């Protein structure tokens, strides 16, 4: 039983570290050109290069912050050995990703009009 729970918590903590590493990579090496493979891809973010750059920068910053929260909660789940740790972790992961996406969409709506021009 202890071996199973330890491996579960190691997976949860590794998951947080993986998200942290990938989000830092995304922050330090954002996609240069609009593409279909890598980056924050929505219809609005792909409208022009200015929006693309702003959307990817904002999303990467949000994901780094979110990844620290995910890692920290993984450590706390391990320390306190809570029941349903994996479910708690998955809920935090999904909510965090949704918040990061919502934050980027909101940022784009506040700084760019529907035609992709920067607002003053």
Protein backbone atom coordinates (compact mmCIF):
# COMPACT_ATOMS: atom_id res chain seq x y z
CA UNK A 1 0.00 0.00 0.00
CA UNK A 2 2.76 2.44 0.95
CA UNK A 3 4.63 1.66 -2.28
CA UNK A 4 1.54 2.41 -4.36
CA UNK A 5 0.81 5.67 -2.58
CA UNK A 6 4.44 6.78 -2.81
CA UNK A 7 4.48 6.15 -6.56
CA UNK A 8 1.21 8.05 -6.92
CA UNK A 9 2.64 11.10 -5.13
CA UNK A 10 5.86 10.90 -7.12
CA UNK A 11 3.79 10.96 -10.32
CA UNK A 12 1.84 13.96 -9.03
CA UNK A 13 5.03 15.86 -8.13
CA UNK A 14 6.72 14.87 -11.41
CA UNK A 15 3.65 16.12 -13.27
CA UNK A 16 4.08 19.54 -11.65
CA UNK A 17 7.78 19.58 -12.52
CA UNK A 18 7.01 18.55 -16.09
CA UNK A 19 4.50 21.38 -16.48
CA UNK A 20 7.02 23.79 -14.95
CA UNK A 21 9.78 22.72 -17.35
CA UNK A 22 7.55 22.87 -20.42
CA UNK A 23 6.10 26.24 -19.47
CA UNK A 24 9.58 27.72 -18.91
CA UNK A 25 10.64 26.35 -22.30
CA UNK A 26 7.54 27.94 -23.85
CA UNK A 27 8.34 31.24 -22.09
CA UNK A 28 11.99 31.28 -23.19
CA UNK A 29 11.37 29.95 -26.71
CA UNK A 30 7.99 31.18 -27.88
CA UNK A 31 7.00 30.37 -31.45
CA UNK A 32 8.35 33.04 -33.78
CA UNK A 33 5.86 32.66 -36.60
CA UNK A 34 2.19 31.81 -36.68
CA UNK A 35 1.90 28.05 -37.10
CA UNK A 36 -0.53 25.17 -36.66
CA UNK A 37 1.76 23.07 -34.45
CA UNK A 38 3.18 24.99 -31.49
CA UNK A 39 1.94 27.92 -29.42
CA UNK A 40 -1.31 29.45 -28.22
CA UNK A 41 -3.58 28.80 -31.19
CA UNK A 42 -7.01 30.37 -31.50
CA UNK A 43 -8.65 32.11 -34.40
CA UNK A 44 -7.97 35.51 -32.82
CA UNK A 45 -4.38 34.77 -31.79
CA UNK A 46 -3.55 33.67 -35.32
CA UNK A 47 -5.06 36.80 -36.94
CA UNK A 48 -1.71 38.60 -37.21
CA UNK A 49 1.84 38.49 -35.89
CA UNK A 50 1.31 41.16 -33.19
CA UNK A 51 -1.56 39.25 -31.61
CA UNK A 52 0.35 35.99 -31.97
CA UNK A 53 3.34 37.37 -30.08
CA UNK A 54 1.21 38.95 -27.35
CA UNK A 55 -0.95 35.85 -26.90
CA UNK A 56 2.01 33.49 -26.64
CA UNK A 57 3.89 35.74 -24.23
CA UNK A 58 0.85 36.16 -21.96
CA UNK A 59 -0.08 32.48 -22.06
CA UNK A 60 3.48 31.39 -21.26
CA UNK A 61 3.60 33.73 -18.25
CA UNK A 62 0.26 32.39 -17.01
CA UNK A 63 1.39 28.79 -17.48
CA UNK A 64 4.59 29.35 -15.48
CA UNK A 65 2.55 30.76 -12.58
CA UNK A 66 0.04 27.95 -12.83
CA UNK A 67 2.81 25.33 -12.95
CA UNK A 68 4.24 26.57 -9.65
CA UNK A 69 0.77 26.19 -8.12
CA UNK A 70 0.44 22.68 -9.55
CA UNK A 71 3.85 21.66 -8.23
CA UNK A 72 3.18 23.20 -4.81
CA UNK A 73 -0.16 21.46 -4.44
CA UNK A 74 1.50 18.18 -5.45
CA UNK A 75 4.01 18.60 -2.63
CA UNK A 76 1.22 19.49 -0.18
CA UNK A 77 -0.80 16.45 -1.25
CA UNK A 78 2.26 14.30 -0.59
CA UNK A 79 2.93 15.86 2.82
CA UNK A 80 -0.65 15.54 4.03
CA UNK A 81 -1.35 12.19 2.27
CA UNK A 82 -4.89 13.24 1.38
CA UNK A 83 -7.47 10.82 0.10
CA UNK A 84 -8.40 11.24 -3.54
CA UNK A 85 -5.08 12.99 -4.19
CA UNK A 86 -5.14 12.17 -7.89
CA UNK A 87 -8.65 13.56 -8.33
CA UNK A 88 -7.69 16.73 -6.46
CA UNK A 89 -4.59 17.04 -8.63
CA UNK A 90 -6.52 16.54 -11.88
CA UNK A 91 -9.14 19.12 -10.87
CA UNK A 92 -6.41 21.66 -10.05
CA UNK A 93 -4.72 20.87 -13.37
CA UNK A 94 -7.87 21.34 -15.45
CA UNK A 95 -9.00 24.46 -13.60
CA UNK A 96 -5.52 25.96 -13.90
CA UNK A 97 -5.37 25.34 -17.65
CA UNK A 98 -8.86 26.82 -18.07
CA UNK A 99 -7.87 29.91 -16.07
CA UNK A 100 -4.70 30.36 -18.14
CA UNK A 101 -6.71 30.17 -21.37
CA UNK A 102 -9.41 32.51 -20.06
CA UNK A 103 -6.78 34.99 -18.88
CA UNK A 104 -5.14 35.05 -22.30
CA UNK A 105 -8.48 35.46 -24.10
CA UNK A 106 -9.39 38.31 -21.77
CA UNK A 107 -5.99 39.95 -22.30
CA UNK A 108 -6.40 39.79 -26.08
CA UNK A 109 -9.91 41.23 -25.90
CA UNK A 110 -8.68 44.12 -23.74
CA UNK A 111 -5.69 44.96 -25.97
CA UNK A 112 -6.86 44.15 -29.52
CA UNK A 113 -10.06 44.89 -31.41
CA UNK A 114 -12.01 42.30 -33.42
CA UNK A 115 -10.00 43.17 -36.55
CA UNK A 116 -6.69 42.49 -34.82
CA UNK A 117 -5.63 46.11 -34.40
CA UNK A 118 -4.01 47.15 -31.14
CA UNK A 119 -6.19 49.29 -28.90
CA UNK A 120 -4.75 52.43 -27.36
